[in-house]
Amino acid sequence: MVRREPITNLRRSEDFGILQQVVDALFADAEYVRRVDAIVLAESFDLPADLVEIVSLLPPGTYTRQRMCDQLNSAISGHAWGQVYGTVE
């Protein structure tokens, strides 16, 4: 019998912190960004499906960095993925 480890969200993904890179790139030269820009950039970073889902959960609109980070972190926390993928600032 093969012993399997329990599924857990305590181990960091090899993609830990990549969403921070997306946020940094989005706001490198802009004070405001649109949701669609975030989705397109997230897809261009070839994020894992979990993180593309997190970005896709952003409500339509225009965001400041703080507002976008709050929204993303809320979704990350809601899925209990903070330990797995990290949060953004």
PDB file of N, CA and C in Angstrom:
ATOM      1  N   MET A   1       0.843  -1.174   0.000  1.00  0.00           N
ATOM      2  CA  MET A   1       0.000   0.000   0.000  1.00  0.00           C
ATOM      3  C   MET A   1       0.890   1.241   0.000  1.00  0.00           C
ATOM      4  N   VAL A   2       0.591   2.167  -0.877  1.00  0.00           N
ATOM      5  CA  VAL A   2       1.365   3.401  -0.988  1.00  0.00           C
ATOM      6  C   VAL A   2       0.818   4.400   0.018  1.00  0.00           C
ATOM      7  N   ARG A   3       1.693   4.933   0.812  1.00  0.00           N
ATOM      8  CA  ARG A   3       1.271   5.931   1.801  1.00  0.00           C
ATOM      9  C   ARG A   3       1.319   7.312   1.154  1.00  0.00           C
ATOM     10  N   ARG A   4       0.225   8.021   1.203  1.00  0.00           N
ATOM     11  CA  ARG A   4       0.153   9.358   0.629  1.00  0.00           C
ATOM     12  C   ARG A   4       0.148  10.390   1.736  1.00  0.00           C
ATOM     13  N   GLU A   5       0.822  11.487   1.466  1.00  0.00           N
ATOM     14  CA  GLU A   5       0.805  12.593   2.417  1.00  0.00           C
ATOM     15  C   GLU A   5      -0.525  13.310   2.316  1.00  0.00           C
ATOM     16  N   PRO A   6      -1.001  13.849   3.423  1.00  0.00           N
ATOM     17  CA  PRO A   6      -2.270  14.587   3.359  1.00  0.00           C
ATOM     18  C   PRO A   6      -2.116  15.834   2.498  1.00  0.00           C
ATOM     19  N   ILE A   7      -3.209  16.195   1.842  1.00  0.00           N
ATOM     20  CA  ILE A   7      -3.212  17.423   1.057  1.00  0.00           C
ATOM     21  C   ILE A   7      -3.176  18.585   2.033  1.00  0.00           C
ATOM     22  N   THR A   8      -2.299  19.512   1.779  1.00  0.00           N
ATOM     23  CA  THR A   8      -2.141  20.631   2.700  1.00  0.00           C
ATOM     24  C   THR A   8      -1.833  21.906   1.932  1.00  0.00           C
ATOM     25  N   ASN A   9      -2.129  23.021   2.538  1.00  0.00           N
ATOM     26  CA  ASN A   9      -1.784  24.299   1.924  1.00  0.00           C
ATOM     27  C   ASN A   9      -0.636  24.951   2.677  1.00  0.00           C
ATOM     28  N   LEU A  10       0.135  24.149   3.399  1.00  0.00           N
ATOM     29  CA  LEU A  10       1.241  24.688   4.181  1.00  0.00           C
ATOM     30  C   LEU A  10       2.555  24.698   3.417  1.00  0.00           C
ATOM     31  N   ARG A  11       2.629  23.960   2.334  1.00  0.00           N
ATOM     32  CA  ARG A  11       3.866  23.938   1.548  1.00  0.00           C
ATOM     33  C   ARG A  11       3.837  25.031   0.488  1.00  0.00           C
ATOM     34  N   ARG A  12       4.935  25.737   0.366  1.00  0.00           N
ATOM     35  CA  ARG A  12       5.015  26.791  -0.645  1.00  0.00           C
ATOM     36  C   ARG A  12       5.132  26.195  -2.041  1.00  0.00           C
ATOM     37  N   SER A  13       4.414  26.816  -2.934  1.00  0.00           N
ATOM     38  CA  SER A  13       4.501  26.453  -4.339  1.00  0.00           C
ATOM     39  C   SER A  13       5.809  26.990  -4.905  1.00  0.00           C
ATOM     40  N   GLU A  14       6.280  26.378  -5.959  1.00  0.00           N
ATOM     41  CA  GLU A  14       7.452  26.946  -6.637  1.00  0.00           C
ATOM     42  C   GLU A  14       7.094  28.271  -7.302  1.00  0.00           C
ATOM     43  N   ASP A  15       5.809  28.587  -7.382  1.00  0.00           N
ATOM     44  CA  ASP A  15       5.335  29.864  -7.914  1.00  0.00           C
ATOM     45  C   ASP A  15       5.093  30.892  -6.806  1.00  0.00           C
ATOM     46  N   PHE A  16       5.541  30.610  -5.600  1.00  0.00           N
ATOM     47  CA  PHE A  16       5.360  31.532  -4.479  1.00  0.00           C
ATOM     48  C   PHE A  16       5.971  32.882  -4.845  1.00  0.00           C
ATOM     49  N   GLY A  17       5.204  33.937  -4.701  1.00  0.00           N
ATOM     50  CA  GLY A  17       5.692  35.286  -4.963  1.00  0.00           C
ATOM     51  C   GLY A  17       5.544  35.781  -6.389  1.00  0.00           C
ATOM     52  N   ILE A  18       5.125  34.926  -7.299  1.00  0.00           N
ATOM     53  CA  ILE A  18       5.034  35.369  -8.693  1.00  0.00           C
ATOM     54  C   ILE A  18       3.921  36.390  -8.905  1.00  0.00           C
ATOM     55  N   LEU A  19       2.864  36.307  -8.102  1.00  0.00           N
ATOM     56  CA  LEU A  19       1.798  37.298  -8.243  1.00  0.00           C
ATOM     57  C   LEU A  19       2.300  38.687  -7.848  1.00  0.00           C
ATOM     58  N   GLN A  20       3.252  38.749  -6.931  1.00  0.00           N
ATOM     59  CA  GLN A  20       3.862  40.034  -6.574  1.00  0.00           C
ATOM     60  C   GLN A  20       4.591  40.617  -7.780  1.00  0.00           C
ATOM     61  N   GLN A  21       5.228  39.768  -8.558  1.00  0.00           N
ATOM     62  CA  GLN A  21       5.914  40.237  -9.762  1.00  0.00           C
ATOM     63  C   GLN A  21       4.921  40.812 -10.763  1.00  0.00           C
ATOM     64  N   VAL A  22       3.754  40.203 -10.862  1.00  0.00           N
ATOM     65  CA  VAL A  22       2.712  40.711 -11.761  1.00  0.00           C
ATOM     66  C   VAL A  22       2.259  42.091 -11.303  1.00  0.00           C
ATOM     67  N   VAL A  23       2.000  42.237 -10.004  1.00  0.00           N
ATOM     68  CA  VAL A  23       1.569  43.532  -9.464  1.00  0.00           C
ATOM     69  C   VAL A  23       2.652  44.585  -9.683  1.00  0.00           C
ATOM     70  N   ASP A  24       3.897  44.230  -9.425  1.00  0.00           N
ATOM     71  CA  ASP A  24       4.997  45.180  -9.635  1.00  0.00           C
ATOM     72  C   ASP A  24       5.070  45.621 -11.093  1.00  0.00           C
ATOM     73  N   ALA A  25       4.897  44.685 -12.012  1.00  0.00           N
ATOM     74  CA  ALA A  25       4.940  45.021 -13.439  1.00  0.00           C
ATOM     75  C   ALA A  25       3.751  45.890 -13.839  1.00  0.00           C
ATOM     76  N   LEU A  26       2.582  45.595 -13.293  1.00  0.00           N
ATOM     77  CA  LEU A  26       1.393  46.387 -13.611  1.00  0.00           C
ATOM     78  C   LEU A  26       1.550  47.844 -13.212  1.00  0.00           C
ATOM     79  N   PHE A  27       2.130  48.065 -12.058  1.00  0.00           N
ATOM     80  CA  PHE A  27       2.209  49.423 -11.520  1.00  0.00           C
ATOM     81  C   PHE A  27       3.600  50.049 -11.680  1.00  0.00           C
ATOM     82  N   ALA A  28       4.433  49.488 -12.522  1.00  0.00           N
ATOM     83  CA  ALA A  28       5.778  50.029 -12.737  1.00  0.00           C
ATOM     84  C   ALA A  28       5.725  51.454 -13.263  1.00  0.00           C
ATOM     85  N   ASP A  29       4.799  51.714 -14.180  1.00  0.00           N
ATOM     86  CA  ASP A  29       4.710  53.037 -14.795  1.00  0.00           C
ATOM     87  C   ASP A  29       3.303  53.611 -14.751  1.00  0.00           C
ATOM     88  N   ALA A  30       2.452  53.062 -13.900  1.00  0.00           N
ATOM     89  CA  ALA A  30       1.057  53.508 -13.888  1.00  0.00           C
ATOM     90  C   ALA A  30       0.557  53.678 -12.453  1.00  0.00           C
ATOM     91  N   GLU A  31      -0.287  54.653 -12.282  1.00  0.00           N
ATOM     92  CA  GLU A  31      -0.913  54.870 -10.983  1.00  0.00           C
ATOM     93  C   GLU A  31      -2.232  54.098 -10.895  1.00  0.00           C
ATOM     94  N   TYR A  32      -2.870  53.902 -12.051  1.00  0.00           N
ATOM     95  CA  TYR A  32      -4.138  53.176 -12.138  1.00  0.00           C
ATOM     96  C   TYR A  32      -4.025  52.123 -13.225  1.00  0.00           C
ATOM     97  N   VAL A  33      -4.632  50.967 -12.990  1.00  0.00           N
ATOM     98  CA  VAL A  33      -4.702  49.924 -14.021  1.00  0.00           C
ATOM     99  C   VAL A  33      -6.114  49.352 -14.052  1.00  0.00           C
ATOM    100  N   ARG A  34      -6.471  48.833 -15.203  1.00  0.00           N
ATOM    101  CA  ARG A  34      -7.784  48.219 -15.367  1.00  0.00           C
ATOM    102  C   ARG A  34      -7.696  46.717 -15.103  1.00  0.00           C
ATOM    103  N   ARG A  35      -8.817  46.156 -14.729  1.00  0.00           N
ATOM    104  CA  ARG A  35      -8.892  44.716 -14.464  1.00  0.00           C
ATOM    105  C   ARG A  35      -8.411  43.923 -15.673  1.00  0.00           C
ATOM    106  N   VAL A  36      -8.860  44.312 -16.855  1.00  0.00           N
ATOM    107  CA  VAL A  36      -8.490  43.582 -18.069  1.00  0.00           C
ATOM    108  C   VAL A  36      -6.971  43.582 -18.264  1.00  0.00           C
ATOM    109  N   ASP A  37      -6.302  44.682 -17.909  1.00  0.00           N
ATOM    110  CA  ASP A  37      -4.843  44.729 -18.016  1.00  0.00           C
ATOM    111  C   ASP A  37      -4.200  43.716 -17.070  1.00  0.00           C
ATOM    112  N   ALA A  38      -4.778  43.579 -15.891  1.00  0.00           N
ATOM    113  CA  ALA A  38      -4.255  42.616 -14.913  1.00  0.00           C
ATOM    114  C   ALA A  38      -4.418  41.185 -15.424  1.00  0.00           C
ATOM    115  N   ILE A  39      -5.561  40.902 -16.014  1.00  0.00           N
ATOM    116  CA  ILE A  39      -5.806  39.552 -16.527  1.00  0.00           C
ATOM    117  C   ILE A  39      -4.863  39.225 -17.675  1.00  0.00           C
ATOM    118  N   VAL A  40      -4.703  40.158 -18.615  1.00  0.00           N
ATOM    119  CA  VAL A  40      -3.820  39.928 -19.757  1.00  0.00           C
ATOM    120  C   VAL A  40      -2.378  39.729 -19.297  1.00  0.00           C
ATOM    121  N   LEU A  41      -1.922  40.557 -18.367  1.00  0.00           N
ATOM    122  CA  LEU A  41      -0.547  40.414 -17.887  1.00  0.00           C
ATOM    123  C   LEU A  41      -0.367  39.113 -17.106  1.00  0.00           C
ATOM    124  N   ALA A  42      -1.347  38.748 -16.292  1.00  0.00           N
ATOM    125  CA  ALA A  42      -1.269  37.490 -15.544  1.00  0.00           C
ATOM    126  C   ALA A  42      -1.151  36.304 -16.501  1.00  0.00           C
ATOM    127  N   GLU A  43      -1.914  36.339 -17.573  1.00  0.00           N
ATOM    128  CA  GLU A  43      -1.833  35.257 -18.556  1.00  0.00           C
ATOM    129  C   GLU A  43      -0.488  35.250 -19.268  1.00  0.00           C
ATOM    130  N   SER A  44       0.085  36.415 -19.504  1.00  0.00           N
ATOM    131  CA  SER A  44       1.388  36.469 -20.172  1.00  0.00           C
ATOM    132  C   SER A  44       2.510  35.971 -19.270  1.00  0.00           C
ATOM    133  N   PHE A  45       2.309  36.023 -17.947  1.00  0.00           N
ATOM    134  CA  PHE A  45       3.289  35.500 -16.995  1.00  0.00           C
ATOM    135  C   PHE A  45       3.169  33.982 -16.865  1.00  0.00           C
ATOM    136  N   ASP A  46       2.190  33.389 -17.549  1.00  0.00           N
ATOM    137  CA  ASP A  46       1.969  31.943 -17.500  1.00  0.00           C
ATOM    138  C   ASP A  46       1.797  31.462 -16.059  1.00  0.00           C
ATOM    139  N   LEU A  47       0.915  32.155 -15.339  1.00  0.00           N
ATOM    140  CA  LEU A  47       0.643  31.799 -13.949  1.00  0.00           C
ATOM    141  C   LEU A  47      -0.086  30.459 -13.877  1.00  0.00           C
ATOM    142  N   PRO A  48       0.029  29.783 -12.737  1.00  0.00           N
ATOM    143  CA  PRO A  48      -0.767  28.568 -12.559  1.00  0.00           C
ATOM    144  C   PRO A  48      -2.251  28.922 -12.549  1.00  0.00           C
ATOM    145  N   ALA A  49      -3.074  27.954 -12.857  1.00  0.00           N
ATOM    146  CA  ALA A  49      -4.517  28.180 -12.967  1.00  0.00           C
ATOM    147  C   ALA A  49      -5.109  28.796 -11.698  1.00  0.00           C
ATOM    148  N   ASP A  50      -4.612  28.395 -10.526  1.00  0.00           N
ATOM    149  CA  ASP A  50      -5.118  28.945  -9.265  1.00  0.00           C
ATOM    150  C   ASP A  50      -4.955  30.466  -9.227  1.00  0.00           C
ATOM    151  N   LEU A  51      -3.803  30.956  -9.657  1.00  0.00           N
ATOM    152  CA  LEU A  51      -3.538  32.392  -9.599  1.00  0.00           C
ATOM    153  C   LEU A  51      -4.253  33.147 -10.708  1.00  0.00           C
ATOM    154  N   VAL A  52      -4.420  32.536 -11.867  1.00  0.00           N
ATOM    155  CA  VAL A  52      -5.218  33.168 -12.928  1.00  0.00           C
ATOM    156  C   VAL A  52      -6.651  33.327 -12.421  1.00  0.00           C
ATOM    157  N   GLU A  53      -7.140  32.315 -11.702  1.00  0.00           N
ATOM    158  CA  GLU A  53      -8.486  32.405 -11.120  1.00  0.00           C
ATOM    159  C   GLU A  53      -8.573  33.566 -10.132  1.00  0.00           C
ATOM    160  N   ILE A  54      -7.551  33.739  -9.300  1.00  0.00           N
ATOM    161  CA  ILE A  54      -7.534  34.835  -8.321  1.00  0.00           C
ATOM    162  C   ILE A  54      -7.618  36.184  -9.040  1.00  0.00           C
ATOM    163  N   VAL A  55      -6.825  36.367 -10.083  1.00  0.00           N
ATOM    164  CA  VAL A  55      -6.840  37.632 -10.829  1.00  0.00           C
ATOM    165  C   VAL A  55      -8.185  37.808 -11.527  1.00  0.00           C
ATOM    166  N   SER A  56      -8.748  36.728 -12.034  1.00  0.00           N
ATOM    167  CA  SER A  56     -10.038  36.803 -12.726  1.00  0.00           C
ATOM    168  C   SER A  56     -11.182  37.161 -11.787  1.00  0.00           C
ATOM    169  N   LEU A  57     -10.985  36.969 -10.493  1.00  0.00           N
ATOM    170  CA  LEU A  57     -12.017  37.314  -9.517  1.00  0.00           C
ATOM    171  C   LEU A  57     -12.104  38.815  -9.241  1.00  0.00           C
ATOM    172  N   LEU A  58     -11.142  39.588  -9.754  1.00  0.00           N
ATOM    173  CA  LEU A  58     -11.215  41.038  -9.574  1.00  0.00           C
ATOM    174  C   LEU A  58     -12.493  41.568 -10.219  1.00  0.00           C
ATOM    175  N   PRO A  59     -13.249  42.373  -9.502  1.00  0.00           N
ATOM    176  CA  PRO A  59     -14.424  42.986 -10.132  1.00  0.00           C
ATOM    177  C   PRO A  59     -13.982  43.946 -11.240  1.00  0.00           C
ATOM    178  N   PRO A  60     -14.793  44.116 -12.275  1.00  0.00           N
ATOM    179  CA  PRO A  60     -14.446  45.060 -13.338  1.00  0.00           C
ATOM    180  C   PRO A  60     -14.214  46.462 -12.760  1.00  0.00           C
ATOM    181  N   GLY A  61     -13.276  47.160 -13.348  1.00  0.00           N
ATOM    182  CA  GLY A  61     -13.025  48.523 -12.908  1.00  0.00           C
ATOM    183  C   GLY A  61     -11.571  48.912 -13.033  1.00  0.00           C
ATOM    184  N   THR A  62     -11.279  50.082 -12.505  1.00  0.00           N
ATOM    185  CA  THR A  62      -9.929  50.639 -12.492  1.00  0.00           C
ATOM    186  C   THR A  62      -9.435  50.620 -11.064  1.00  0.00           C
ATOM    187  N   TYR A  63      -8.164  50.286 -10.894  1.00  0.00           N
ATOM    188  CA  TYR A  63      -7.605  50.054  -9.563  1.00  0.00           C
ATOM    189  C   TYR A  63      -6.359  50.869  -9.293  1.00  0.00           C
ATOM    190  N   THR A  64      -6.242  51.340  -8.063  1.00  0.00           N
ATOM    191  CA  THR A  64      -4.952  51.799  -7.553  1.00  0.00           C
ATOM    192  C   THR A  64      -4.227  50.544  -7.079  1.00  0.00           C
ATOM    193  N   ARG A  65      -2.952  50.674  -6.834  1.00  0.00           N
ATOM    194  CA  ARG A  65      -2.180  49.525  -6.360  1.00  0.00           C
ATOM    195  C   ARG A  65      -2.764  48.991  -5.051  1.00  0.00           C
ATOM    196  N   GLN A  66      -3.064  49.875  -4.106  1.00  0.00           N
ATOM    197  CA  GLN A  66      -3.569  49.435  -2.809  1.00  0.00           C
ATOM    198  C   GLN A  66      -4.901  48.702  -2.936  1.00  0.00           C
ATOM    199  N   ARG A  67      -5.787  49.254  -3.743  1.00  0.00           N
ATOM    200  CA  ARG A  67      -7.105  48.623  -3.910  1.00  0.00           C
ATOM    201  C   ARG A  67      -6.971  47.257  -4.573  1.00  0.00           C
ATOM    202  N   MET A  68      -6.109  47.150  -5.589  1.00  0.00           N
ATOM    203  CA  MET A  68      -5.927  45.865  -6.250  1.00  0.00           C
ATOM    204  C   MET A  68      -5.324  44.847  -5.292  1.00  0.00           C
ATOM    205  N   CYS A  69      -4.326  45.268  -4.531  1.00  0.00           N
ATOM    206  CA  CYS A  69      -3.695  44.349  -3.574  1.00  0.00           C
ATOM    207  C   CYS A  69      -4.710  43.878  -2.537  1.00  0.00           C
ATOM    208  N   ASP A  70      -5.547  44.787  -2.061  1.00  0.00           N
ATOM    209  CA  ASP A  70      -6.584  44.408  -1.095  1.00  0.00           C
ATOM    210  C   ASP A  70      -7.523  43.359  -1.684  1.00  0.00           C
ATOM    211  N   GLN A  71      -7.937  43.571  -2.919  1.00  0.00           N
ATOM    212  CA  GLN A  71      -8.842  42.624  -3.578  1.00  0.00           C
ATOM    213  C   GLN A  71      -8.166  41.264  -3.787  1.00  0.00           C
ATOM    214  N   LEU A  72      -6.937  41.290  -4.291  1.00  0.00           N
ATOM    215  CA  LEU A  72      -6.224  40.034  -4.531  1.00  0.00           C
ATOM    216  C   LEU A  72      -5.965  39.285  -3.227  1.00  0.00           C
ATOM    217  N   ASN A  73      -5.524  40.009  -2.208  1.00  0.00           N
ATOM    218  CA  ASN A  73      -5.238  39.365  -0.926  1.00  0.00           C
ATOM    219  C   ASN A  73      -6.499  38.786  -0.294  1.00  0.00           C
ATOM    220  N   SER A  74      -7.613  39.455  -0.485  1.00  0.00           N
ATOM    221  CA  SER A  74      -8.877  38.943   0.031  1.00  0.00           C
ATOM    222  C   SER A  74      -9.218  37.608  -0.631  1.00  0.00           C
ATOM    223  N   ALA A  75      -9.054  37.539  -1.934  1.00  0.00           N
ATOM    224  CA  ALA A  75      -9.333  36.292  -2.653  1.00  0.00           C
ATOM    225  C   ALA A  75      -8.333  35.202  -2.279  1.00  0.00           C
ATOM    226  N   ILE A  76      -7.060  35.568  -2.138  1.00  0.00           N
ATOM    227  CA  ILE A  76      -6.034  34.596  -1.735  1.00  0.00           C
ATOM    228  C   ILE A  76      -6.366  34.036  -0.355  1.00  0.00           C
ATOM    229  N   SER A  77      -6.722  34.907   0.561  1.00  0.00           N
ATOM    230  CA  SER A  77      -7.077  34.471   1.917  1.00  0.00           C
ATOM    231  C   SER A  77      -8.337  33.616   1.913  1.00  0.00           C
ATOM    232  N   GLY A  78      -9.306  34.002   1.106  1.00  0.00           N
ATOM    233  CA  GLY A  78     -10.547  33.247   1.011  1.00  0.00           C
ATOM    234  C   GLY A  78     -10.340  31.823   0.525  1.00  0.00           C
ATOM    235  N   HIS A  79      -9.322  31.626  -0.290  1.00  0.00           N
ATOM    236  CA  HIS A  79      -8.991  30.289  -0.784  1.00  0.00           C
ATOM    237  C   HIS A  79      -7.951  29.592   0.101  1.00  0.00           C
ATOM    238  N   ALA A  80      -7.475  30.293   1.130  1.00  0.00           N
ATOM    239  CA  ALA A  80      -6.438  29.766   2.039  1.00  0.00           C
ATOM    240  C   ALA A  80      -5.148  29.437   1.288  1.00  0.00           C
ATOM    241  N   TRP A  81      -4.781  30.302   0.336  1.00  0.00           N
ATOM    242  CA  TRP A  81      -3.587  30.085  -0.470  1.00  0.00           C
ATOM    243  C   TRP A  81      -2.442  31.016  -0.096  1.00  0.00           C
ATOM    244  N   GLY A  82      -2.568  31.762   0.985  1.00  0.00           N
ATOM    245  CA  GLY A  82      -1.506  32.688   1.381  1.00  0.00           C
ATOM    246  C   GLY A  82      -0.187  31.989   1.621  1.00  0.00           C
ATOM    247  N   GLN A  83      -0.215  30.841   2.278  1.00  0.00           N
ATOM    248  CA  GLN A  83       1.015  30.083   2.552  1.00  0.00           C
ATOM    249  C   GLN A  83       1.568  29.455   1.281  1.00  0.00           C
ATOM    250  N   VAL A  84       0.693  29.162   0.348  1.00  0.00           N
ATOM    251  CA  VAL A  84       1.097  28.460  -0.872  1.00  0.00           C
ATOM    252  C   VAL A  84       1.702  29.428  -1.895  1.00  0.00           C
ATOM    253  N   TYR A  85       1.009  30.556  -2.139  1.00  0.00           N
ATOM    254  CA  TYR A  85       1.428  31.474  -3.189  1.00  0.00           C
ATOM    255  C   TYR A  85       1.913  32.831  -2.687  1.00  0.00           C
ATOM    256  N   GLY A  86       1.650  33.147  -1.448  1.00  0.00           N
ATOM    257  CA  GLY A  86       2.039  34.446  -0.908  1.00  0.00           C
ATOM    258  C   GLY A  86       0.968  35.495  -1.183  1.00  0.00           C
ATOM    259  N   THR A  87       1.116  36.614  -0.509  1.00  0.00           N
ATOM    260  CA  THR A  87       0.203  37.730  -0.717  1.00  0.00           C
ATOM    261  C   THR A  87       0.951  38.833  -1.451  1.00  0.00           C
ATOM    262  N   VAL A  88       0.251  39.911  -1.768  1.00  0.00           N
ATOM    263  CA  VAL A  88       0.856  41.000  -2.530  1.00  0.00           C
ATOM    264  C   VAL A  88       0.757  42.296  -1.768  1.00  0.00           C
ATOM    265  N   GLU A  89       1.658  43.222  -2.092  1.00  0.00           N
ATOM    266  CA  GLU A  89       1.630  44.553  -1.463  1.00  0.00           C
ATOM    267  C   GLU A  89       1.964  45.618  -2.472  1.00  0.00           C
TER     268      GLU A  89
END
